[in-house]
């Protein structure tokens, strides 16, 4: 399940995931976006970047709110 939950924030819920799987997925997402810059109608190339964080149940939280907070902290760490 993927959906927007903030102005520029999207959340993704994966069933049966692991912290290791989340790390692989986020690394792949960053790599794919970096390899495919946005090209405007006049041919200008704009690099794509994304800060990605993750949180896993139950290690990072037992409720949706706890997991969202853990994911937000993870995104902030990725930005810095």
N, C-alpha and C. Protein backbone atom coordinates (compact mmCIF):
# COMPACT_ATOMS: atom_id res chain seq x y z
N UNK A 1 0.87 -1.17 0.00
CA UNK A 1 0.00 0.00 0.00
C UNK A 1 0.91 1.23 0.00
N UNK A 2 0.67 2.12 -0.93
CA UNK A 2 1.44 3.36 -1.01
C UNK A 2 0.47 4.53 -1.01
N UNK A 3 0.78 5.56 -0.23
CA UNK A 3 -0.08 6.73 -0.20
C UNK A 3 0.64 7.95 0.33
N UNK A 4 0.10 9.09 0.01
CA UNK A 4 0.65 10.36 0.51
C UNK A 4 0.15 10.57 1.93
N UNK A 5 1.05 10.99 2.82
CA UNK A 5 0.58 11.30 4.17
C UNK A 5 1.12 12.63 4.67
N UNK A 6 1.68 13.41 3.77
CA UNK A 6 2.17 14.74 4.10
C UNK A 6 2.33 15.52 2.81
N UNK A 7 2.79 16.76 2.94
CA UNK A 7 2.95 17.60 1.76
C UNK A 7 3.81 16.97 0.69
N UNK A 8 4.99 16.52 1.07
CA UNK A 8 5.90 15.87 0.13
C UNK A 8 6.30 14.49 0.66
N UNK A 9 5.46 13.93 1.47
CA UNK A 9 5.79 12.65 2.11
C UNK A 9 4.84 11.57 1.65
N UNK A 10 5.42 10.42 1.40
CA UNK A 10 4.65 9.24 1.02
C UNK A 10 5.01 8.12 1.96
N UNK A 11 4.05 7.28 2.24
CA UNK A 11 4.28 6.11 3.08
C UNK A 11 4.01 4.85 2.28
N UNK A 12 4.72 3.81 2.63
CA UNK A 12 4.53 2.52 1.97
C UNK A 12 4.47 1.46 3.06
N UNK A 13 3.45 0.63 3.00
CA UNK A 13 3.28 -0.45 3.96
C UNK A 13 3.55 -1.76 3.23
N UNK A 14 4.51 -2.51 3.75
CA UNK A 14 4.87 -3.80 3.16
C UNK A 14 4.61 -4.89 4.19
N UNK A 15 3.88 -5.89 3.80
CA UNK A 15 3.62 -7.00 4.72
C UNK A 15 4.76 -8.00 4.65
N UNK A 16 5.13 -8.52 5.82
CA UNK A 16 6.16 -9.57 5.87
C UNK A 16 7.56 -9.06 5.63
N UNK A 17 7.76 -7.77 5.72
CA UNK A 17 9.09 -7.21 5.49
C UNK A 17 10.00 -7.37 6.70
N UNK A 18 11.26 -7.17 6.47
CA UNK A 18 12.28 -7.20 7.52
C UNK A 18 13.09 -5.91 7.46
N UNK A 19 13.79 -5.57 8.53
CA UNK A 19 14.65 -4.39 8.46
C UNK A 19 15.68 -4.49 7.33
N UNK A 20 16.22 -5.68 7.10
CA UNK A 20 17.19 -5.87 6.02
C UNK A 20 16.53 -5.66 4.66
N UNK A 21 15.32 -6.18 4.49
CA UNK A 21 14.60 -6.00 3.24
C UNK A 21 14.27 -4.55 2.99
N UNK A 22 13.91 -3.84 4.05
CA UNK A 22 13.61 -2.40 3.92
C UNK A 22 14.85 -1.64 3.50
N UNK A 23 16.01 -2.00 4.05
CA UNK A 23 17.26 -1.34 3.67
C UNK A 23 17.59 -1.58 2.20
N UNK A 24 17.38 -2.80 1.73
CA UNK A 24 17.62 -3.11 0.31
C UNK A 24 16.67 -2.32 -0.57
N UNK A 25 15.40 -2.28 -0.20
CA UNK A 25 14.40 -1.56 -0.99
C UNK A 25 14.69 -0.07 -1.04
N UNK A 26 15.03 0.53 0.08
CA UNK A 26 15.29 1.97 0.09
C UNK A 26 16.55 2.30 -0.71
N UNK A 27 17.57 1.47 -0.63
CA UNK A 27 18.79 1.70 -1.42
C UNK A 27 18.48 1.62 -2.91
N UNK A 28 17.66 0.64 -3.29
CA UNK A 28 17.29 0.49 -4.70
C UNK A 28 16.48 1.69 -5.17
N UNK A 29 15.55 2.16 -4.36
CA UNK A 29 14.74 3.32 -4.72
C UNK A 29 15.61 4.55 -4.95
N UNK A 30 16.55 4.80 -4.03
CA UNK A 30 17.46 5.94 -4.20
C UNK A 30 18.28 5.81 -5.48
N UNK A 31 18.80 4.60 -5.74
CA UNK A 31 19.63 4.36 -6.92
C UNK A 31 18.83 4.57 -8.22
N UNK A 32 17.64 4.00 -8.28
CA UNK A 32 16.82 4.10 -9.49
C UNK A 32 16.47 5.56 -9.78
N UNK A 33 16.09 6.32 -8.75
CA UNK A 33 15.77 7.72 -8.96
C UNK A 33 16.99 8.53 -9.40
N UNK A 34 18.16 8.23 -8.83
CA UNK A 34 19.38 8.94 -9.21
C UNK A 34 19.76 8.64 -10.66
N UNK A 35 19.48 7.43 -11.12
CA UNK A 35 19.82 7.02 -12.49
C UNK A 35 18.86 7.58 -13.53
N UNK A 36 17.70 8.05 -13.11
CA UNK A 36 16.68 8.51 -14.04
C UNK A 36 16.28 9.94 -13.72
N UNK A 37 17.09 10.90 -14.15
CA UNK A 37 16.74 12.30 -13.88
C UNK A 37 15.48 12.71 -14.65
N UNK A 38 14.83 13.74 -14.15
CA UNK A 38 13.65 14.29 -14.80
C UNK A 38 14.12 15.16 -15.96
N UNK A 39 13.52 14.98 -17.13
CA UNK A 39 13.87 15.78 -18.30
C UNK A 39 12.66 16.63 -18.65
N UNK A 40 12.87 17.95 -18.67
CA UNK A 40 11.78 18.88 -18.97
C UNK A 40 11.47 18.85 -20.47
N UNK A 41 10.38 19.52 -20.85
CA UNK A 41 9.97 19.57 -22.25
C UNK A 41 11.02 20.22 -23.15
N UNK A 42 11.81 21.15 -22.57
CA UNK A 42 12.85 21.78 -23.38
C UNK A 42 14.20 21.07 -23.27
N UNK A 43 14.20 19.88 -22.68
CA UNK A 43 15.40 19.05 -22.63
C UNK A 43 16.31 19.27 -21.44
N UNK A 44 15.93 20.14 -20.52
CA UNK A 44 16.74 20.35 -19.33
C UNK A 44 16.66 19.12 -18.43
N UNK A 45 17.81 18.70 -17.93
CA UNK A 45 17.88 17.53 -17.05
C UNK A 45 17.94 17.99 -15.60
N UNK A 46 17.02 17.48 -14.79
CA UNK A 46 16.96 17.83 -13.37
C UNK A 46 17.20 16.55 -12.58
N UNK A 47 18.29 16.49 -11.79
CA UNK A 47 18.56 15.29 -11.01
C UNK A 47 17.45 15.01 -10.00
N UNK A 48 17.21 13.75 -9.74
CA UNK A 48 16.21 13.34 -8.75
C UNK A 48 16.91 12.84 -7.51
N UNK A 49 16.42 13.28 -6.37
CA UNK A 49 16.94 12.84 -5.08
C UNK A 49 15.78 12.56 -4.16
N UNK A 50 15.98 11.63 -3.24
CA UNK A 50 14.94 11.30 -2.28
C UNK A 50 15.60 10.92 -0.96
N UNK A 51 15.00 11.36 0.13
CA UNK A 51 15.42 10.91 1.46
C UNK A 51 14.43 9.84 1.88
N UNK A 52 14.93 8.67 2.19
CA UNK A 52 14.07 7.54 2.50
C UNK A 52 14.41 7.03 3.89
N UNK A 53 13.37 6.74 4.65
CA UNK A 53 13.53 6.13 5.97
C UNK A 53 12.63 4.93 6.07
N UNK A 54 12.84 4.14 7.08
CA UNK A 54 11.99 2.96 7.26
C UNK A 54 11.78 2.68 8.75
N UNK A 55 10.75 1.92 9.00
CA UNK A 55 10.44 1.45 10.35
C UNK A 55 9.74 0.11 10.20
N UNK A 56 10.05 -0.81 11.10
CA UNK A 56 9.48 -2.16 11.02
C UNK A 56 8.76 -2.52 12.31
N UNK A 57 7.61 -3.15 12.14
CA UNK A 57 6.81 -3.66 13.25
C UNK A 57 7.32 -5.04 13.61
N UNK A 58 7.51 -5.37 14.85
CA UNK A 58 7.30 -4.58 16.06
C UNK A 58 8.57 -3.93 16.59
N UNK A 59 9.69 -4.13 15.91
CA UNK A 59 10.98 -3.63 16.42
C UNK A 59 10.99 -2.12 16.64
N UNK A 60 10.36 -1.37 15.73
CA UNK A 60 10.40 0.09 15.82
C UNK A 60 9.16 0.71 16.42
N UNK A 61 8.16 -0.09 16.70
CA UNK A 61 6.94 0.43 17.30
C UNK A 61 5.81 -0.58 17.21
N UNK A 62 4.89 -0.46 18.14
CA UNK A 62 3.77 -1.39 18.18
C UNK A 62 2.47 -0.83 17.67
N UNK A 63 2.46 0.48 17.37
CA UNK A 63 1.25 1.12 16.85
C UNK A 63 1.60 1.88 15.57
N UNK A 64 0.58 2.25 14.83
CA UNK A 64 0.80 3.01 13.60
C UNK A 64 1.49 4.35 13.90
N UNK A 65 1.10 4.99 14.98
CA UNK A 65 1.71 6.28 15.35
C UNK A 65 3.18 6.09 15.69
N UNK A 66 3.49 5.08 16.48
CA UNK A 66 4.89 4.82 16.83
C UNK A 66 5.72 4.51 15.59
N UNK A 67 5.17 3.73 14.68
CA UNK A 67 5.90 3.39 13.45
C UNK A 67 6.10 4.62 12.57
N UNK A 68 5.09 5.48 12.47
CA UNK A 68 5.23 6.71 11.68
C UNK A 68 6.29 7.61 12.27
N UNK A 69 6.32 7.73 13.58
CA UNK A 69 7.35 8.56 14.24
C UNK A 69 8.74 7.97 14.01
N UNK A 70 8.87 6.66 14.11
CA UNK A 70 10.16 6.01 13.88
C UNK A 70 10.60 6.22 12.43
N UNK A 71 9.68 6.11 11.49
CA UNK A 71 10.00 6.33 10.08
C UNK A 71 10.41 7.78 9.85
N UNK A 72 9.73 8.72 10.47
CA UNK A 72 10.09 10.14 10.35
C UNK A 72 11.51 10.39 10.87
N UNK A 73 11.84 9.77 12.00
CA UNK A 73 13.21 9.92 12.53
C UNK A 73 14.23 9.35 11.56
N UNK A 74 13.87 8.24 10.94
CA UNK A 74 14.75 7.60 9.96
C UNK A 74 14.95 8.48 8.74
N UNK A 75 13.90 9.14 8.28
CA UNK A 75 14.00 10.05 7.14
C UNK A 75 14.89 11.24 7.51
N UNK A 76 14.70 11.80 8.68
CA UNK A 76 15.53 12.93 9.13
C UNK A 76 16.99 12.54 9.19
N UNK A 77 17.27 11.34 9.65
CA UNK A 77 18.67 10.85 9.69
C UNK A 77 19.21 10.73 8.27
N UNK A 78 18.40 10.30 7.34
CA UNK A 78 18.84 10.16 5.95
C UNK A 78 19.14 11.53 5.32
N UNK A 79 18.40 12.54 5.74
CA UNK A 79 18.60 13.89 5.20
C UNK A 79 19.90 14.50 5.70
N UNK A 80 20.37 14.09 6.86
CA UNK A 80 21.57 14.72 7.44
C UNK A 80 22.82 13.98 7.17
